[in-house]
């Protein structure tokens, strides 16, 4: 069975006809060049995108091409003794240039599934195979598993180099087959300076279309969890109208967990949430969305110590950390809730990672992490890989997957760091977390490990 939902899409974008496609974005923005990982299908604009994996279901997001389509999906367990019979999901229509979400259910926890997605134009009779992929359902036991994190691709329709790095990074992650992956924010950037608002309604669909193309086939097999950064247009100091444009586009393209997805709960706007996977509690936070003072780069308003999660998110965080019995507890966010970087401008901008552990509201969060046994605090924003242990808690900046700016000590304050584009990989084992920073390499499908370290269970 399945539950099928279709989000009402942005009217301004639909009015532009082909405004969602990667190839039309340039003409919409009066630029010359737009890049895509592969030519869009005549049926779908992007490969399927998996999200919200639970014990019994997983959500698939699909975006139709320039004509109405009918899709059909079947799935089955992959077993050691042979594959089981197919479960068939009834045919479902998707309107041209519109997204739809299909909940694949029921599933069995900790099970490997194969699926086949078929499609046809509404005006035609014969289905064709669109993709044949697999995924794993949510773990409930304490068995070992792996997950990946990428951040700060900063892609736009006009920068091929960033786009290609994101594509290579996604391909490397896919080759390693983690249970899931996180994007820790700033994986595209609005067409304004240093995290400005979504200037027009049509820009959100264009940018999320670019992100989906850059990720390629990875989200078709690897469920994705998104964390929001300061470049997605949903900052607390942005005007409400522009924030709603950005939020509507995100929720149309990205099936993030909502308040009811997991027992741990979260935000109805799907911008912060928590879940338990095996023996690990993952808590994702949104720092820029609930900070009201203007922290745009070079703004004199926001300070290094006035970042905040807001009262509601902060109370929710305390409850999740204090009540969880998970062996491992991890926090994921775009940057610390405070800054202590190489200079005042970058400190106010939220840079510094572990250097900011005792600054502003981050000091309270750090206290809670100590009190309730959080092992690591993963973040992006600073475009390098580094690890700063503070009171036994590892502040790990996961690197950047495309951003051209590789910040040095004068900006971040970091004394030891890695600048190549790449991603962070975590092996969750019985007695330790093994953290690796990996550089994608066309000659080595799984990439090259540049640095690795362990976090040992206490």
Protein backbone atom coordinates (compact mmCIF):
# COMPACT_ATOMS: atom_id res chain seq x y z
CA UNK A 1 0.00 0.00 0.00
CA UNK A 2 0.96 3.65 -0.20
CA UNK A 3 -0.18 7.07 0.86
CA UNK A 4 0.15 9.62 -1.91
CA UNK A 5 0.26 13.36 -1.27
CA UNK A 6 0.74 16.21 -3.66
CA UNK A 7 1.85 19.57 -2.37
CA UNK A 8 0.20 22.63 -3.83
CA UNK A 9 3.13 24.16 -5.65
CA UNK A 10 4.24 27.75 -5.98
CA UNK A 11 1.87 29.56 -8.31
CA UNK A 12 4.51 31.99 -9.50
CA UNK A 13 6.79 29.13 -10.51
CA UNK A 14 4.02 27.23 -12.27
CA UNK A 15 3.07 30.34 -14.18
CA UNK A 16 6.53 30.31 -15.69
CA UNK A 17 5.74 27.07 -17.50
CA UNK A 18 9.12 25.34 -17.52
CA UNK A 19 10.38 27.28 -14.52
CA UNK A 20 11.34 24.15 -12.57
CA UNK A 21 13.71 22.63 -15.08
CA UNK A 22 17.44 23.04 -14.73
CA UNK A 23 17.77 24.09 -18.34
CA UNK A 24 15.19 26.88 -18.19
CA UNK A 25 16.58 28.44 -15.02
CA UNK A 26 19.16 30.46 -16.95
CA UNK A 27 16.61 32.15 -19.16
CA UNK A 28 14.44 32.92 -16.14
CA UNK A 29 17.35 34.66 -14.46
CA UNK A 30 18.65 36.24 -17.70
CA UNK A 31 21.94 34.35 -17.43
CA UNK A 32 23.67 32.14 -19.95
CA UNK A 33 24.62 28.80 -18.47
CA UNK A 34 22.90 26.24 -16.25
CA UNK A 35 24.44 22.89 -15.43
CA UNK A 36 22.77 19.58 -14.65
CA UNK A 37 24.21 16.21 -13.65
CA UNK A 38 22.30 14.50 -16.45
CA UNK A 39 19.70 15.43 -19.03
CA UNK A 40 16.27 15.44 -17.38
CA UNK A 41 13.98 12.54 -18.22
CA UNK A 42 10.94 13.28 -20.32
CA UNK A 43 8.95 11.79 -17.43
CA UNK A 44 10.67 13.08 -14.28
CA UNK A 45 12.90 16.10 -13.70
CA UNK A 46 15.08 14.29 -11.16
CA UNK A 47 15.80 10.79 -9.90
CA UNK A 48 13.58 9.71 -6.97
CA UNK A 49 14.47 11.19 -3.58
CA UNK A 50 14.02 9.13 -0.39
CA UNK A 51 13.38 10.63 3.02
CA UNK A 52 11.61 10.11 6.34
CA UNK A 53 12.63 6.45 6.83
CA UNK A 54 10.67 4.94 9.74
CA UNK A 55 10.21 1.43 11.11
CA UNK A 56 7.35 0.79 8.71
CA UNK A 57 7.62 3.28 5.84
CA UNK A 58 9.78 5.52 3.70
CA UNK A 59 8.78 8.57 1.66
CA UNK A 60 9.65 8.97 -2.02
CA UNK A 61 9.55 12.45 -3.59
CA UNK A 62 9.05 12.65 -7.35
CA UNK A 63 8.84 15.68 -9.64
CA UNK A 64 7.13 15.32 -13.01
CA UNK A 65 8.64 16.66 -16.22
CA UNK A 66 6.96 19.07 -18.57
CA UNK A 67 3.94 16.83 -19.15
CA UNK A 68 1.49 15.02 -16.88
CA UNK A 69 2.68 11.51 -16.02
CA UNK A 70 1.33 8.32 -14.48
CA UNK A 71 3.74 6.39 -12.25
CA UNK A 72 3.65 2.91 -10.77
CA UNK A 73 5.92 1.36 -8.16
CA UNK A 74 6.59 -2.11 -6.83
CA UNK A 75 8.92 -3.21 -4.05
CA UNK A 76 10.08 -6.39 -2.33
CA UNK A 77 12.35 -7.67 0.40
CA UNK A 78 15.86 -8.74 -0.55
CA UNK A 79 16.65 -11.85 1.49
CA UNK A 80 19.62 -14.13 1.94
CA UNK A 81 17.56 -17.05 0.69
CA UNK A 82 16.11 -15.21 -2.28
CA UNK A 83 13.91 -12.24 -2.95
CA UNK A 84 10.29 -12.25 -1.87
CA UNK A 85 7.26 -11.49 -4.03
CA UNK A 86 6.66 -7.96 -5.23
CA UNK A 87 4.26 -5.62 -3.45
CA UNK A 88 2.50 -3.38 -5.98
CA UNK A 89 1.59 0.25 -5.42
CA UNK A 90 -1.34 1.37 -7.50
CA UNK A 91 -0.83 3.79 -10.38
CA UNK A 92 -0.68 7.43 -9.34
CA UNK A 93 -0.76 10.61 -11.47
CA UNK A 94 1.63 13.57 -11.13
CA UNK A 95 0.86 16.86 -12.83
CA UNK A 96 3.46 18.50 -15.03
CA UNK A 97 6.21 20.36 -13.16
CA UNK A 98 4.75 19.34 -9.81
CA UNK A 99 6.09 17.22 -6.94
CA UNK A 100 4.35 14.28 -5.34
CA UNK A 101 5.22 12.23 -2.25
CA UNK A 102 4.55 8.51 -2.06
CA UNK A 103 4.76 6.72 1.27
CA UNK A 104 6.01 3.18 0.67
CA UNK A 105 4.45 0.96 3.32
CA UNK A 106 4.22 -1.35 5.13
CA UNK A 107 7.90 -2.14 5.64
CA UNK A 108 9.72 -4.39 8.10
CA UNK A 109 12.49 -2.77 10.22
CA UNK A 110 16.14 -3.46 9.38
CA UNK A 111 15.34 -4.93 5.99
CA UNK A 112 16.91 -4.44 2.59
CA UNK A 113 14.35 -3.60 -0.10
CA UNK A 114 14.45 -3.41 -3.87
CA UNK A 115 12.05 -1.15 -5.75
CA UNK A 116 11.24 -0.50 -9.37
CA UNK A 117 9.63 2.74 -10.49
CA UNK A 118 7.74 2.84 -13.78
CA UNK A 119 6.19 5.76 -15.61
CA UNK A 120 4.37 6.86 -18.73
CA UNK A 121 3.00 10.06 -20.13
CA UNK A 122 -0.67 10.49 -19.28
CA UNK A 123 -1.42 10.51 -23.00
CA UNK A 124 0.29 7.15 -23.60
CA UNK A 125 -0.50 3.52 -22.75
CA UNK A 126 2.80 1.75 -22.13
CA UNK A 127 4.86 2.08 -18.92
CA UNK A 128 8.66 2.24 -19.05
CA UNK A 129 11.12 1.45 -16.28
CA UNK A 130 12.48 4.69 -14.80
CA UNK A 131 14.76 3.28 -12.11
CA UNK A 132 15.58 0.06 -10.26
CA UNK A 133 17.11 0.78 -6.86
CA UNK A 134 17.26 -0.43 -3.26
CA UNK A 135 17.24 0.96 0.29
CA UNK A 136 17.34 -0.20 3.90
CA UNK A 137 14.53 0.41 6.37
CA UNK A 138 15.10 1.90 9.81
CA UNK A 139 17.23 0.00 12.31
CA UNK A 140 15.93 -0.90 15.73
CA UNK A 141 18.78 -3.06 17.05
CA UNK A 142 22.25 -1.99 18.15
CA UNK A 143 23.95 -3.51 15.09
CA UNK A 144 26.79 -1.50 13.47
CA UNK A 145 25.94 0.92 10.66
CA UNK A 146 27.35 3.93 8.83
CA UNK A 147 26.10 7.35 7.82
CA UNK A 148 27.51 10.26 5.83
CA UNK A 149 27.42 14.06 6.14
CA UNK A 150 28.03 16.71 3.50
CA UNK A 151 27.68 20.46 3.74
CA UNK A 152 28.19 23.81 2.03
CA UNK A 153 28.07 22.94 -1.66
CA UNK A 154 26.84 26.50 -2.37
CA UNK A 155 25.67 25.54 -5.84
CA UNK A 156 23.91 28.02 -8.10
CA UNK A 157 22.83 27.63 -11.74
CA UNK A 158 25.99 29.46 -12.82
CA UNK A 159 28.95 27.67 -11.20
CA UNK A 160 29.90 24.39 -12.87
CA UNK A 161 32.83 23.71 -10.55
CA UNK A 162 30.64 23.62 -7.41
CA UNK A 163 28.01 21.55 -9.15
CA UNK A 164 30.51 18.94 -10.30
CA UNK A 165 32.08 18.63 -6.83
CA UNK A 166 28.66 17.99 -5.31
CA UNK A 167 27.95 15.37 -7.98
CA UNK A 168 31.28 13.62 -7.32
CA UNK A 169 30.70 13.74 -3.57
CA UNK A 170 27.22 12.26 -3.92
CA UNK A 171 28.53 9.48 -6.17
CA UNK A 172 31.26 8.64 -3.65
CA UNK A 173 28.73 8.44 -0.82
CA UNK A 174 26.45 6.23 -2.92
CA UNK A 175 29.30 3.81 -3.65
CA UNK A 176 29.82 3.34 0.11
CA UNK A 177 26.11 2.64 0.76
CA UNK A 178 25.52 4.18 4.20
CA UNK A 179 22.15 3.72 5.91
CA UNK A 180 21.44 7.42 5.31
CA UNK A 181 23.10 10.81 4.86
CA UNK A 182 22.74 14.35 6.21
CA UNK A 183 23.08 17.65 4.40
CA UNK A 184 24.17 20.24 6.97
CA UNK A 185 23.08 23.37 5.14
CA UNK A 186 24.19 25.91 2.54
CA UNK A 187 24.04 23.34 -0.23
CA UNK A 188 22.75 26.08 -2.50
CA UNK A 189 22.74 29.84 -2.10
CA UNK A 190 20.07 32.45 -2.65
CA UNK A 191 20.80 35.08 -5.27
CA UNK A 192 21.66 37.68 -2.66
CA UNK A 193 24.77 38.36 -0.63
CA UNK A 194 25.83 36.25 2.36
CA UNK A 195 22.61 34.51 3.25
CA UNK A 196 20.08 37.09 2.16
CA UNK A 197 16.39 36.30 1.66
CA UNK A 198 14.72 34.46 -1.24
CA UNK A 199 14.26 37.50 -3.47
CA UNK A 200 11.54 36.02 -5.70
CA UNK A 201 9.15 33.08 -5.37
CA UNK A 202 10.48 31.42 -8.52
CA UNK A 203 14.05 31.20 -7.19
CA UNK A 204 13.28 28.51 -4.60
CA UNK A 205 12.10 25.93 -7.16
CA UNK A 206 15.06 26.73 -9.40
CA UNK A 207 17.60 26.25 -6.62
CA UNK A 208 16.06 23.08 -5.22
CA UNK A 209 15.90 21.70 -8.76
CA UNK A 210 19.63 22.37 -9.06
CA UNK A 211 20.31 20.68 -5.73
CA UNK A 212 18.32 17.61 -6.74
CA UNK A 213 20.22 17.35 -10.02
CA UNK A 214 23.55 17.78 -8.24
CA UNK A 215 22.78 14.96 -5.81
CA UNK A 216 22.06 12.67 -8.77
CA UNK A 217 21.07 9.10 -8.00
CA UNK A 218 22.37 9.10 -4.42
CA UNK A 219 19.00 9.97 -2.77
CA UNK A 220 17.31 7.23 -4.80
CA UNK A 221 18.98 4.63 -2.55
CA UNK A 222 20.27 6.63 0.43
CA UNK A 223 17.60 8.42 2.50
CA UNK A 224 18.52 12.05 3.12
CA UNK A 225 18.01 14.26 6.18
CA UNK A 226 18.40 18.00 5.64
CA UNK A 227 19.64 20.58 8.14
CA UNK A 228 19.08 24.24 7.30
CA UNK A 229 21.90 26.73 6.95
CA UNK A 230 22.03 30.49 6.51
CA UNK A 231 21.90 30.49 2.68
CA UNK A 232 18.54 28.72 2.18
CA UNK A 233 16.49 31.86 2.74
CA UNK A 234 14.81 30.86 6.03
CA UNK A 235 16.69 33.01 8.52
CA UNK A 236 14.79 34.52 11.43
CA UNK A 237 15.59 38.09 10.37
CA UNK A 238 14.25 37.61 6.84
CA UNK A 239 10.81 39.04 5.93
CA UNK A 240 7.94 36.60 6.48
CA UNK A 241 6.89 36.57 2.81
CA UNK A 242 10.36 35.67 1.56
CA UNK A 243 10.79 33.04 4.28
CA UNK A 244 7.50 31.43 3.22
CA UNK A 245 8.70 31.24 -0.40
CA UNK A 246 11.86 29.44 0.70
CA UNK A 247 10.01 27.12 3.10
CA UNK A 248 7.35 26.17 0.53
CA UNK A 249 10.02 25.27 -2.04
CA UNK A 250 11.99 23.20 0.48
CA UNK A 251 8.95 21.28 1.68
CA UNK A 252 7.91 20.62 -1.91
CA UNK A 253 11.24 19.11 -2.90
CA UNK A 254 12.70 17.70 0.36
CA UNK A 255 10.78 15.15 2.50
CA UNK A 256 12.24 16.05 5.89
CA UNK A 257 10.80 14.64 9.15
CA UNK A 258 8.01 16.64 10.72
CA UNK A 259 6.52 16.88 14.18
CA UNK A 260 4.73 13.52 13.87
CA UNK A 261 7.27 11.47 11.88
CA UNK A 262 9.18 10.08 14.87
CA UNK A 263 8.35 9.68 18.58
CA UNK A 264 11.09 12.24 19.29
CA UNK A 265 9.06 14.88 17.43
CA UNK A 266 10.26 18.17 16.04
CA UNK A 267 8.96 21.16 14.11
CA UNK A 268 5.84 21.19 11.94
CA UNK A 269 7.93 23.17 9.45
CA UNK A 270 10.39 20.24 9.25
CA UNK A 271 13.37 22.45 10.13
CA UNK A 272 14.41 20.66 13.34
CA UNK A 273 13.71 17.08 14.43
CA UNK A 274 15.21 14.05 16.20
CA UNK A 275 15.16 10.30 15.73
CA UNK A 276 16.78 7.18 17.15
CA UNK A 277 18.55 4.80 14.78
CA UNK A 278 19.82 1.65 16.41
CA UNK A 279 21.72 2.79 19.49
CA UNK A 280 22.11 6.43 18.38
CA UNK A 281 19.98 9.49 19.08
CA UNK A 282 20.31 12.08 16.30
CA UNK A 283 19.16 15.60 17.14
CA UNK A 284 19.12 18.19 14.35
CA UNK A 285 18.76 21.89 15.11
CA UNK A 286 18.06 25.11 13.20
CA UNK A 287 20.12 28.00 14.53
CA UNK A 288 19.57 30.71 11.90
CA UNK A 289 15.81 30.25 11.69
CA UNK A 290 15.06 31.32 15.26
CA UNK A 291 17.63 34.08 15.64
CA UNK A 292 15.91 37.42 14.97
CA UNK A 293 18.88 39.80 15.03
CA UNK A 294 20.44 40.35 11.60
CA UNK A 295 23.55 38.16 11.27
CA UNK A 296 24.21 38.79 7.59
CA UNK A 297 27.95 39.05 6.98
CA UNK A 298 29.22 42.52 8.00
CA UNK A 299 25.91 43.40 9.67
CA UNK A 300 26.63 45.46 12.81
CA UNK A 301 23.43 44.20 14.47
CA UNK A 302 24.00 40.54 15.32
CA UNK A 303 26.64 39.69 17.92
CA UNK A 304 28.76 36.61 18.54
CA UNK A 305 26.81 35.79 21.70
CA UNK A 306 23.18 36.55 20.72
CA UNK A 307 22.51 33.53 18.49
CA UNK A 308 19.57 31.47 19.77
CA UNK A 309 17.48 28.40 19.09
CA UNK A 310 14.41 30.17 20.48
CA UNK A 311 12.56 29.10 23.61
CA UNK A 312 10.47 26.34 22.01
CA UNK A 313 13.32 24.61 20.20
CA UNK A 314 15.58 24.97 23.23
CA UNK A 315 13.02 23.38 25.58
CA UNK A 316 12.49 20.58 23.06
CA UNK A 317 16.26 19.97 22.86
CA UNK A 318 16.56 19.69 26.65
CA UNK A 319 13.71 17.19 26.76
CA UNK A 320 15.19 15.01 23.98
CA UNK A 321 18.66 14.90 25.55
CA UNK A 322 17.47 14.37 29.12
CA UNK A 323 15.01 11.57 28.35
CA UNK A 324 16.97 9.57 25.78
CA UNK A 325 18.49 6.26 26.88
CA UNK A 326 20.49 5.87 23.64
CA UNK A 327 24.11 4.77 23.99
CA UNK A 328 25.30 7.48 21.59
CA UNK A 329 23.85 10.99 21.34
CA UNK A 330 24.79 13.28 18.46
CA UNK A 331 23.80 16.85 17.56
CA UNK A 332 23.78 18.15 13.99
CA UNK A 333 23.45 21.84 13.11
CA UNK A 334 24.76 24.31 10.55
CA UNK A 335 26.94 26.17 13.05
CA UNK A 336 27.32 26.70 16.79
CA UNK A 337 24.83 28.85 18.70
CA UNK A 338 27.57 31.39 19.24
CA UNK A 339 30.79 32.40 17.51
CA UNK A 340 34.49 32.64 18.32
CA UNK A 341 36.47 32.80 15.10
CA UNK A 342 39.57 34.54 13.80
CA UNK A 343 38.08 38.03 13.91
CA UNK A 344 35.00 39.86 15.14
CA UNK A 345 33.13 39.78 11.81
CA UNK A 346 33.39 35.99 11.51
CA UNK A 347 32.65 35.48 15.20
CA UNK A 348 29.40 37.40 14.77
CA UNK A 349 28.74 35.27 11.67
CA UNK A 350 28.81 32.08 13.80
CA UNK A 351 32.18 30.65 12.92
CA UNK A 352 34.57 28.93 15.30
CA UNK A 353 33.08 25.54 16.19
CA UNK A 354 34.55 24.22 19.42
CA UNK A 355 36.24 27.56 20.05
CA UNK A 356 32.71 28.89 20.67
CA UNK A 357 31.70 26.13 23.09
CA UNK A 358 31.43 28.58 26.00
CA UNK A 359 29.97 31.56 24.09
CA UNK A 360 26.38 32.75 24.48
CA UNK A 361 23.64 30.12 24.24
CA UNK A 362 26.16 27.56 23.03
CA UNK A 363 27.54 27.51 26.58
CA UNK A 364 24.18 26.25 27.86
CA UNK A 365 23.94 23.66 25.11
CA UNK A 366 27.49 22.55 25.86
CA UNK A 367 26.52 22.15 29.53
CA UNK A 368 23.58 19.96 28.52
CA UNK A 369 25.80 17.91 26.23
CA UNK A 370 28.13 17.24 29.14
CA UNK A 371 25.26 16.47 31.50
CA UNK A 372 23.44 14.07 29.19
CA UNK A 373 26.37 12.37 27.47
CA UNK A 374 26.47 13.84 23.95
CA UNK A 375 29.53 12.51 22.13
CA UNK A 376 29.78 14.84 19.14
CA UNK A 377 28.46 18.10 17.72
CA UNK A 378 28.59 18.03 13.90
CA UNK A 379 28.35 21.25 11.90
CA UNK A 380 29.24 22.94 8.60
CA UNK A 381 29.53 26.66 7.77
CA UNK A 382 33.32 26.93 8.00
CA UNK A 383 34.10 24.99 4.76
CA UNK A 384 36.94 22.87 6.18
CA UNK A 385 37.23 19.67 8.16
CA UNK A 386 38.40 19.94 11.74
CA UNK A 387 37.84 18.30 15.11
CA UNK A 388 38.03 20.25 18.37
CA UNK A 389 37.41 18.24 21.55
CA UNK A 390 36.03 20.36 24.41
CA UNK A 391 35.43 18.66 27.77
CA UNK A 392 35.36 15.31 25.96
CA UNK A 393 32.78 16.46 23.37
CA UNK A 394 33.99 16.52 19.77
CA UNK A 395 33.06 19.58 17.70
CA UNK A 396 33.45 18.32 14.14
CA UNK A 397 33.23 20.58 11.11
CA UNK A 398 32.37 18.17 8.29
CA UNK A 399 34.06 19.97 5.36
CA UNK A 400 32.47 21.44 2.23
CA UNK A 401 31.14 19.68 -0.86
CA UNK A 402 31.75 22.41 -3.41
CA UNK A 403 32.10 25.85 -1.82
CA UNK A 404 35.08 27.64 -3.42
CA UNK A 405 36.03 29.46 -0.22
CA UNK A 406 38.43 27.47 2.00
CA UNK A 407 38.77 29.51 5.14
CA UNK A 408 42.12 29.80 6.86
CA UNK A 409 43.12 30.44 10.49
CA UNK A 410 42.70 34.21 10.15
CA UNK A 411 38.98 33.65 9.47
CA UNK A 412 38.07 30.58 11.53
CA UNK A 413 40.72 30.61 14.23
CA UNK A 414 41.41 26.91 13.59
CA UNK A 415 45.01 25.80 13.91
CA UNK A 416 44.61 22.32 12.38
CA UNK A 417 42.19 21.65 9.54
CA UNK A 418 41.77 20.10 6.07
CA UNK A 419 40.72 22.26 3.10
CA UNK A 420 39.96 19.82 0.21
CA UNK A 421 36.31 19.44 -0.74
CA UNK A 422 34.84 16.27 0.72
CA UNK A 423 32.45 14.74 3.23
CA UNK A 424 32.47 13.14 6.66
CA UNK A 425 31.78 9.45 7.18
CA UNK A 426 30.84 7.83 10.51
CA UNK A 427 31.04 4.12 11.31
CA UNK A 428 28.93 3.36 14.37
CA UNK A 429 30.49 0.36 16.10
CA UNK A 430 29.77 -1.36 19.39
CA UNK A 431 32.40 0.49 21.39
CA UNK A 432 33.32 3.50 19.25
CA UNK A 433 32.44 5.95 16.51
CA UNK A 434 35.00 5.99 13.73
CA UNK A 435 35.03 9.40 12.02
CA UNK A 436 36.65 9.83 8.60
CA UNK A 437 37.05 12.79 6.27
CA UNK A 438 36.89 11.63 2.65
CA UNK A 439 37.85 13.37 -0.57
CA UNK A 440 35.98 12.20 -3.69
CA UNK A 441 38.30 10.93 -6.41
CA UNK A 442 37.22 9.80 -9.91
CA UNK A 443 39.88 7.06 -9.85
CA UNK A 444 38.62 5.65 -6.53
CA UNK A 445 34.82 5.29 -6.35
CA UNK A 446 34.77 5.30 -2.54
CA UNK A 447 37.10 8.30 -2.33
CA UNK A 448 40.33 8.85 -0.42
CA UNK A 449 40.39 9.05 3.39
CA UNK A 450 42.37 12.15 4.38
CA UNK A 451 41.97 11.88 8.14
CA UNK A 452 40.34 9.57 10.66
CA UNK A 453 39.88 9.40 14.42
CA UNK A 454 37.80 7.48 16.98
CA UNK A 455 35.36 8.55 19.66
CA UNK A 456 35.46 5.78 22.26
CA UNK A 457 32.47 4.82 24.38
CA UNK A 458 32.89 5.88 28.01
